[in-house]
Amino acid sequence: MGHCKRAVCRSCGFHFQVEHGGGFFFHLLRCDQCGETKDIGFDQLGEIHLAYLKGLGGPYCVATMEQDKYIRENYQGKAISLEEYHSKIERLCGQCQCGGQFRFNAQPRCPECKSTEIEEGEKTLLYD
């Protein structure tokens, strides 16, 4: 489950919200240069998501438990690891308009000055 947190930039003092994590049906990636976020739905991943589910020992999440079981038992393709899954999704998401790359592990950045020197506070929203 994803969430938003209040944040303040230690460099410029700008106040904003930071999103963390995807949901039951999508992933959230962040640009490694500017911090822009991009979501990508599992339905957009096609074979990539099916191959990842094939290799899981259980469901991806409770909301998709039955569908995930069906895929694990019936998908004929080769299973892929989490590392391969993330790598394929990052390639699929491509480059950000700024020239950076969308990554699962990119640090949040201030939308005003692009600094990674931010202080995160309380959660303000949970989403799936």
N, C-alpha and C. Protein backbone atom coordinates (compact mmCIF):
# COMPACT_ATOMS: atom_id res chain seq x y z
N MET A 1 0.85 -1.18 0.00
CA MET A 1 0.00 0.00 0.00
C MET A 1 0.89 1.23 0.00
N GLY A 2 0.54 2.20 -0.82
CA GLY A 2 1.29 3.43 -0.89
C GLY A 2 0.79 4.46 0.10
N HIS A 3 1.60 5.49 0.28
CA HIS A 3 1.21 6.57 1.18
C HIS A 3 1.89 7.88 0.78
N CYS A 4 1.32 8.97 1.25
CA CYS A 4 1.89 10.30 1.07
C CYS A 4 2.32 10.80 2.43
N LYS A 5 3.40 11.58 2.42
CA LYS A 5 3.88 12.22 3.65
C LYS A 5 4.12 13.69 3.38
N ARG A 6 3.90 14.49 4.40
CA ARG A 6 4.28 15.90 4.33
C ARG A 6 5.79 15.97 4.37
N ALA A 7 6.34 16.94 3.67
CA ALA A 7 7.79 17.09 3.64
C ALA A 7 8.17 18.56 3.53
N VAL A 8 9.38 18.85 3.97
CA VAL A 8 9.94 20.19 3.82
C VAL A 8 11.38 20.04 3.34
N CYS A 9 11.76 20.87 2.40
CA CYS A 9 13.11 20.84 1.86
C CYS A 9 14.05 21.56 2.83
N ARG A 10 15.13 20.90 3.19
CA ARG A 10 16.13 21.51 4.08
C ARG A 10 16.96 22.55 3.34
N SER A 11 16.99 22.48 2.02
CA SER A 11 17.79 23.42 1.23
C SER A 11 17.08 24.74 0.98
N CYS A 12 15.78 24.68 0.60
CA CYS A 12 15.08 25.91 0.21
C CYS A 12 13.85 26.22 1.07
N GLY A 13 13.45 25.29 1.94
CA GLY A 13 12.31 25.52 2.82
C GLY A 13 10.95 25.26 2.20
N PHE A 14 10.89 24.77 0.98
CA PHE A 14 9.63 24.51 0.29
C PHE A 14 8.89 23.35 0.98
N HIS A 15 7.57 23.50 1.16
CA HIS A 15 6.71 22.47 1.75
C HIS A 15 5.96 21.75 0.64
N PHE A 16 5.89 20.42 0.72
CA PHE A 16 5.23 19.63 -0.32
C PHE A 16 4.88 18.26 0.23
N GLN A 17 4.29 17.41 -0.60
CA GLN A 17 3.98 16.03 -0.23
C GLN A 17 4.84 15.08 -1.06
N VAL A 18 5.23 13.99 -0.44
CA VAL A 18 6.02 12.95 -1.10
C VAL A 18 5.19 11.68 -1.16
N GLU A 19 5.11 11.07 -2.33
CA GLU A 19 4.42 9.78 -2.48
C GLU A 19 5.43 8.65 -2.38
N HIS A 20 5.03 7.58 -1.70
CA HIS A 20 5.88 6.40 -1.56
C HIS A 20 5.07 5.17 -1.92
N GLY A 21 5.63 4.33 -2.78
CA GLY A 21 5.04 3.03 -3.07
C GLY A 21 3.87 3.06 -4.03
N GLY A 22 3.62 1.91 -4.59
CA GLY A 22 2.49 1.74 -5.50
C GLY A 22 1.28 1.24 -4.73
N GLY A 23 0.45 0.51 -5.44
CA GLY A 23 -0.78 0.02 -4.84
C GLY A 23 -1.02 -1.43 -5.21
N PHE A 24 -2.27 -1.84 -5.07
CA PHE A 24 -2.63 -3.21 -5.39
C PHE A 24 -2.53 -3.50 -6.89
N PHE A 25 -2.64 -2.46 -7.73
CA PHE A 25 -2.71 -2.67 -9.17
C PHE A 25 -1.76 -1.79 -9.97
N PHE A 26 -0.81 -1.14 -9.30
CA PHE A 26 0.15 -0.29 -10.03
C PHE A 26 1.44 -0.12 -9.21
N HIS A 27 2.50 0.27 -9.91
CA HIS A 27 3.78 0.62 -9.28
C HIS A 27 3.99 2.12 -9.44
N LEU A 28 4.73 2.69 -8.52
CA LEU A 28 5.09 4.10 -8.58
C LEU A 28 6.61 4.18 -8.65
N LEU A 29 7.10 4.79 -9.71
CA LEU A 29 8.53 4.99 -9.89
C LEU A 29 8.82 6.49 -9.81
N ARG A 30 10.08 6.81 -9.56
CA ARG A 30 10.48 8.21 -9.41
C ARG A 30 11.71 8.47 -10.29
N CYS A 31 11.77 9.65 -10.89
CA CYS A 31 12.92 10.02 -11.70
C CYS A 31 14.13 10.21 -10.80
N ASP A 32 15.26 9.65 -11.21
CA ASP A 32 16.47 9.74 -10.40
C ASP A 32 17.17 11.09 -10.52
N GLN A 33 16.66 11.99 -11.38
CA GLN A 33 17.27 13.31 -11.53
C GLN A 33 16.41 14.44 -10.99
N CYS A 34 15.10 14.41 -11.28
CA CYS A 34 14.23 15.53 -10.87
C CYS A 34 13.21 15.15 -9.82
N GLY A 35 12.99 13.85 -9.59
CA GLY A 35 12.04 13.41 -8.57
C GLY A 35 10.61 13.26 -9.05
N GLU A 36 10.33 13.57 -10.30
CA GLU A 36 8.97 13.41 -10.86
C GLU A 36 8.55 11.95 -10.70
N THR A 37 7.27 11.71 -10.40
CA THR A 37 6.79 10.34 -10.25
C THR A 37 6.02 9.90 -11.50
N LYS A 38 6.01 8.60 -11.69
CA LYS A 38 5.27 8.00 -12.81
C LYS A 38 4.67 6.70 -12.30
N ASP A 39 3.36 6.55 -12.52
CA ASP A 39 2.73 5.29 -12.14
C ASP A 39 2.53 4.46 -13.39
N ILE A 40 2.60 3.14 -13.21
CA ILE A 40 2.38 2.21 -14.31
C ILE A 40 1.54 1.06 -13.78
N GLY A 41 0.41 0.85 -14.43
CA GLY A 41 -0.53 -0.19 -14.02
C GLY A 41 -0.06 -1.57 -14.43
N PHE A 42 -0.43 -2.54 -13.64
CA PHE A 42 -0.07 -3.93 -13.96
C PHE A 42 -0.61 -4.33 -15.32
N ASP A 43 -1.78 -3.79 -15.69
CA ASP A 43 -2.35 -4.11 -17.00
C ASP A 43 -1.48 -3.59 -18.14
N GLN A 44 -0.64 -2.60 -17.89
CA GLN A 44 0.27 -2.06 -18.90
C GLN A 44 1.55 -2.90 -19.01
N LEU A 45 1.80 -3.76 -18.03
CA LEU A 45 3.04 -4.54 -18.01
C LEU A 45 2.95 -5.84 -18.79
N GLY A 46 1.75 -6.33 -19.01
CA GLY A 46 1.57 -7.54 -19.81
C GLY A 46 2.37 -8.72 -19.30
N GLU A 47 3.16 -9.32 -20.19
CA GLU A 47 3.94 -10.53 -19.89
C GLU A 47 4.92 -10.31 -18.74
N ILE A 48 5.42 -9.11 -18.58
CA ILE A 48 6.38 -8.84 -17.50
C ILE A 48 5.74 -9.17 -16.15
N HIS A 49 4.53 -8.69 -15.95
CA HIS A 49 3.85 -8.93 -14.66
C HIS A 49 3.48 -10.40 -14.51
N LEU A 50 3.01 -11.01 -15.57
CA LEU A 50 2.65 -12.44 -15.51
C LEU A 50 3.86 -13.29 -15.14
N ALA A 51 5.01 -13.00 -15.75
CA ALA A 51 6.22 -13.77 -15.47
C ALA A 51 6.68 -13.58 -14.03
N TYR A 52 6.51 -12.38 -13.50
CA TYR A 52 6.86 -12.14 -12.10
C TYR A 52 5.93 -12.91 -11.17
N LEU A 53 4.62 -12.84 -11.43
CA LEU A 53 3.65 -13.56 -10.60
C LEU A 53 3.91 -15.07 -10.62
N LYS A 54 4.34 -15.57 -11.78
CA LYS A 54 4.61 -17.01 -11.93
C LYS A 54 5.64 -17.48 -10.90
N GLY A 55 6.62 -16.62 -10.60
CA GLY A 55 7.70 -17.01 -9.70
C GLY A 55 7.43 -16.75 -8.22
N LEU A 56 6.34 -16.10 -7.90
CA LEU A 56 6.04 -15.82 -6.50
C LEU A 56 5.56 -17.08 -5.79
N GLY A 57 5.89 -17.20 -4.52
CA GLY A 57 5.45 -18.34 -3.74
C GLY A 57 4.02 -18.20 -3.24
N GLY A 58 3.47 -17.01 -3.39
CA GLY A 58 2.11 -16.73 -2.94
C GLY A 58 1.57 -15.55 -3.71
N PRO A 59 0.46 -14.99 -3.29
CA PRO A 59 -0.13 -13.86 -4.02
C PRO A 59 0.69 -12.59 -3.87
N TYR A 60 0.57 -11.71 -4.84
CA TYR A 60 1.20 -10.39 -4.78
C TYR A 60 0.57 -9.59 -3.64
N CYS A 61 -0.76 -9.65 -3.55
CA CYS A 61 -1.48 -8.98 -2.47
C CYS A 61 -2.83 -9.67 -2.28
N VAL A 62 -3.48 -9.37 -1.19
CA VAL A 62 -4.77 -9.98 -0.86
C VAL A 62 -5.82 -9.65 -1.92
N ALA A 63 -5.79 -8.43 -2.44
CA ALA A 63 -6.81 -8.00 -3.41
C ALA A 63 -6.77 -8.79 -4.71
N THR A 64 -5.61 -9.38 -5.03
CA THR A 64 -5.47 -10.11 -6.30
C THR A 64 -5.17 -11.59 -6.08
N MET A 65 -5.44 -12.08 -4.90
CA MET A 65 -5.06 -13.44 -4.51
C MET A 65 -5.54 -14.52 -5.48
N GLU A 66 -6.80 -14.51 -5.83
CA GLU A 66 -7.34 -15.55 -6.71
C GLU A 66 -6.78 -15.45 -8.12
N GLN A 67 -6.69 -14.24 -8.63
CA GLN A 67 -6.13 -14.03 -9.97
C GLN A 67 -4.66 -14.45 -10.00
N ASP A 68 -3.91 -14.10 -8.98
CA ASP A 68 -2.49 -14.45 -8.92
C ASP A 68 -2.29 -15.97 -8.89
N LYS A 69 -3.14 -16.66 -8.13
CA LYS A 69 -3.06 -18.12 -8.06
C LYS A 69 -3.31 -18.73 -9.43
N TYR A 70 -4.32 -18.22 -10.12
CA TYR A 70 -4.63 -18.73 -11.45
C TYR A 70 -3.43 -18.54 -12.39
N ILE A 71 -2.81 -17.37 -12.34
CA ILE A 71 -1.66 -17.09 -13.20
C ILE A 71 -0.50 -18.01 -12.86
N ARG A 72 -0.19 -18.18 -11.58
CA ARG A 72 0.92 -19.06 -11.17
C ARG A 72 0.70 -20.48 -11.68
N GLU A 73 -0.54 -20.93 -11.66
CA GLU A 73 -0.83 -22.31 -12.06
C GLU A 73 -0.96 -22.49 -13.57
N ASN A 74 -1.28 -21.44 -14.31
CA ASN A 74 -1.59 -21.60 -15.73
C ASN A 74 -0.69 -20.85 -16.71
N TYR A 75 0.03 -19.85 -16.25
CA TYR A 75 0.89 -19.10 -17.17
C TYR A 75 2.03 -20.00 -17.65
N GLN A 76 2.22 -20.07 -18.95
CA GLN A 76 3.19 -20.99 -19.54
C GLN A 76 4.59 -20.40 -19.69
N GLY A 77 4.71 -19.11 -19.49
CA GLY A 77 6.01 -18.47 -19.66
C GLY A 77 6.96 -18.76 -18.50
N LYS A 78 8.20 -18.28 -18.66
CA LYS A 78 9.24 -18.46 -17.67
C LYS A 78 9.09 -17.43 -16.55
N ALA A 79 9.27 -17.86 -15.31
CA ALA A 79 9.22 -16.95 -14.17
C ALA A 79 10.46 -16.06 -14.15
N ILE A 80 10.30 -14.82 -13.64
CA ILE A 80 11.44 -13.91 -13.49
C ILE A 80 11.55 -13.47 -12.03
N SER A 81 12.75 -13.06 -11.66
CA SER A 81 13.03 -12.61 -10.30
C SER A 81 12.55 -11.17 -10.10
N LEU A 82 12.52 -10.74 -8.86
CA LEU A 82 12.15 -9.36 -8.54
C LEU A 82 13.12 -8.38 -9.20
N GLU A 83 14.40 -8.68 -9.19
CA GLU A 83 15.40 -7.80 -9.80
C GLU A 83 15.16 -7.65 -11.30
N GLU A 84 14.89 -8.76 -11.97
CA GLU A 84 14.62 -8.72 -13.41
C GLU A 84 13.31 -7.98 -13.68
N TYR A 85 12.33 -8.21 -12.85
CA TYR A 85 11.03 -7.53 -12.95
C TYR A 85 11.21 -6.02 -12.87
N HIS A 86 11.91 -5.56 -11.85
CA HIS A 86 12.14 -4.12 -11.69
C HIS A 86 12.93 -3.54 -12.86
N SER A 87 13.94 -4.25 -13.30
CA SER A 87 14.76 -3.79 -14.42
C SER A 87 13.92 -3.63 -15.70
N LYS A 88 13.06 -4.59 -15.97
CA LYS A 88 12.22 -4.54 -17.16
C LYS A 88 11.21 -3.38 -17.07
N ILE A 89 10.66 -3.16 -15.89
CA ILE A 89 9.70 -2.07 -15.72
C ILE A 89 10.39 -0.73 -15.88
N GLU A 90 11.58 -0.58 -15.31
CA GLU A 90 12.32 0.67 -15.45
C GLU A 90 12.63 0.97 -16.92
N ARG A 91 13.00 -0.06 -17.68
CA ARG A 91 13.24 0.13 -19.12
C ARG A 91 11.96 0.52 -19.84
N LEU A 92 10.86 -0.12 -19.47
CA LEU A 92 9.57 0.16 -20.09
C LEU A 92 9.13 1.60 -19.81
N CYS A 93 9.35 2.08 -18.60
CA CYS A 93 8.96 3.45 -18.23
C CYS A 93 9.78 4.50 -18.98
N GLY A 94 10.99 4.15 -19.36
CA GLY A 94 11.82 5.05 -20.14
C GLY A 94 12.34 6.24 -19.37
N GLN A 95 12.77 7.22 -20.15
CA GLN A 95 13.36 8.42 -19.56
C GLN A 95 12.30 9.46 -19.23
N CYS A 96 12.60 10.23 -18.22
CA CYS A 96 11.79 11.38 -17.84
C CYS A 96 12.07 12.51 -18.85
N GLN A 97 11.21 13.48 -18.89
CA GLN A 97 11.41 14.64 -19.77
C GLN A 97 12.70 15.38 -19.46
N CYS A 98 13.16 15.29 -18.20
CA CYS A 98 14.39 15.99 -17.81
C CYS A 98 15.64 15.25 -18.26
N GLY A 99 15.49 14.00 -18.74
CA GLY A 99 16.64 13.20 -19.15
C GLY A 99 17.01 12.12 -18.15
N GLY A 100 16.43 12.17 -16.95
CA GLY A 100 16.69 11.15 -15.94
C GLY A 100 15.92 9.87 -16.26
N GLN A 101 16.11 8.88 -15.42
CA GLN A 101 15.48 7.58 -15.60
C GLN A 101 14.52 7.31 -14.45
N PHE A 102 13.34 6.78 -14.77
CA PHE A 102 12.40 6.39 -13.73
C PHE A 102 12.90 5.11 -13.07
N ARG A 103 13.01 5.15 -11.73
CA ARG A 103 13.55 4.04 -10.95
C ARG A 103 12.65 3.74 -9.75
N PHE A 104 12.71 2.50 -9.30
CA PHE A 104 12.00 2.11 -8.09
C PHE A 104 12.66 2.71 -6.85
N ASN A 105 13.98 2.85 -6.87
CA ASN A 105 14.70 3.26 -5.67
C ASN A 105 15.22 4.70 -5.70
N ALA A 106 14.73 5.53 -6.61
CA ALA A 106 15.19 6.92 -6.66
C ALA A 106 14.67 7.68 -5.44
N GLN A 107 15.52 8.53 -4.90
CA GLN A 107 15.16 9.32 -3.72
C GLN A 107 14.16 10.41 -4.07
N PRO A 108 13.26 10.73 -3.14
CA PRO A 108 12.38 11.88 -3.36
C PRO A 108 13.20 13.17 -3.45
N ARG A 109 12.70 14.11 -4.23
CA ARG A 109 13.38 15.39 -4.39
C ARG A 109 12.39 16.53 -4.20
N CYS A 110 12.91 17.65 -3.78
CA CYS A 110 12.10 18.85 -3.66
C CYS A 110 11.64 19.27 -5.05
N PRO A 111 10.35 19.50 -5.24
CA PRO A 111 9.87 19.91 -6.56
C PRO A 111 10.33 21.33 -6.93
N GLU A 112 10.76 22.10 -5.96
CA GLU A 112 11.19 23.47 -6.21
C GLU A 112 12.66 23.56 -6.63
N CYS A 113 13.56 22.94 -5.82
CA CYS A 113 15.00 23.08 -6.10
C CYS A 113 15.68 21.76 -6.46
N LYS A 114 14.96 20.65 -6.42
CA LYS A 114 15.43 19.30 -6.79
C LYS A 114 16.40 18.68 -5.78
N SER A 115 16.54 19.26 -4.62
CA SER A 115 17.41 18.72 -3.58
C SER A 115 16.83 17.43 -3.02
N THR A 116 17.71 16.52 -2.61
CA THR A 116 17.28 15.31 -1.90
C THR A 116 17.35 15.52 -0.39
N GLU A 117 17.74 16.69 0.03
CA GLU A 117 17.83 17.01 1.46
C GLU A 117 16.45 17.45 1.95
N ILE A 118 15.62 16.47 2.20
CA ILE A 118 14.25 16.76 2.65
C ILE A 118 13.98 16.07 3.97
N GLU A 119 13.08 16.65 4.71
CA GLU A 119 12.64 16.06 5.97
C GLU A 119 11.18 15.67 5.82
N GLU A 120 10.92 14.38 5.99
CA GLU A 120 9.56 13.88 5.85
C GLU A 120 8.88 13.82 7.20
N GLY A 121 7.60 14.16 7.21
CA GLY A 121 6.82 14.17 8.44
C GLY A 121 5.78 13.08 8.45
N GLU A 122 4.63 13.43 8.96
CA GLU A 122 3.55 12.46 9.15
C GLU A 122 2.91 12.05 7.82
N LYS A 123 2.34 10.85 7.82
CA LYS A 123 1.57 10.39 6.68
C LYS A 123 0.29 11.20 6.60
N THR A 124 -0.07 11.59 5.39
CA THR A 124 -1.29 12.35 5.20
C THR A 124 -2.35 11.59 4.43
N LEU A 125 -1.95 10.50 3.76
CA LEU A 125 -2.89 9.76 2.93
C LEU A 125 -2.35 8.35 2.69
N LEU A 126 -3.22 7.36 2.80
CA LEU A 126 -2.90 5.99 2.40
C LEU A 126 -3.68 5.70 1.14
N TYR A 127 -3.05 5.02 0.18
CA TYR A 127 -3.75 4.66 -1.05
C TYR A 127 -3.34 3.27 -1.49
N ASP A 128 -4.16 2.68 -2.36
CA ASP A 128 -3.82 1.35 -2.88
C ASP A 128 -3.79 1.32 -4.37
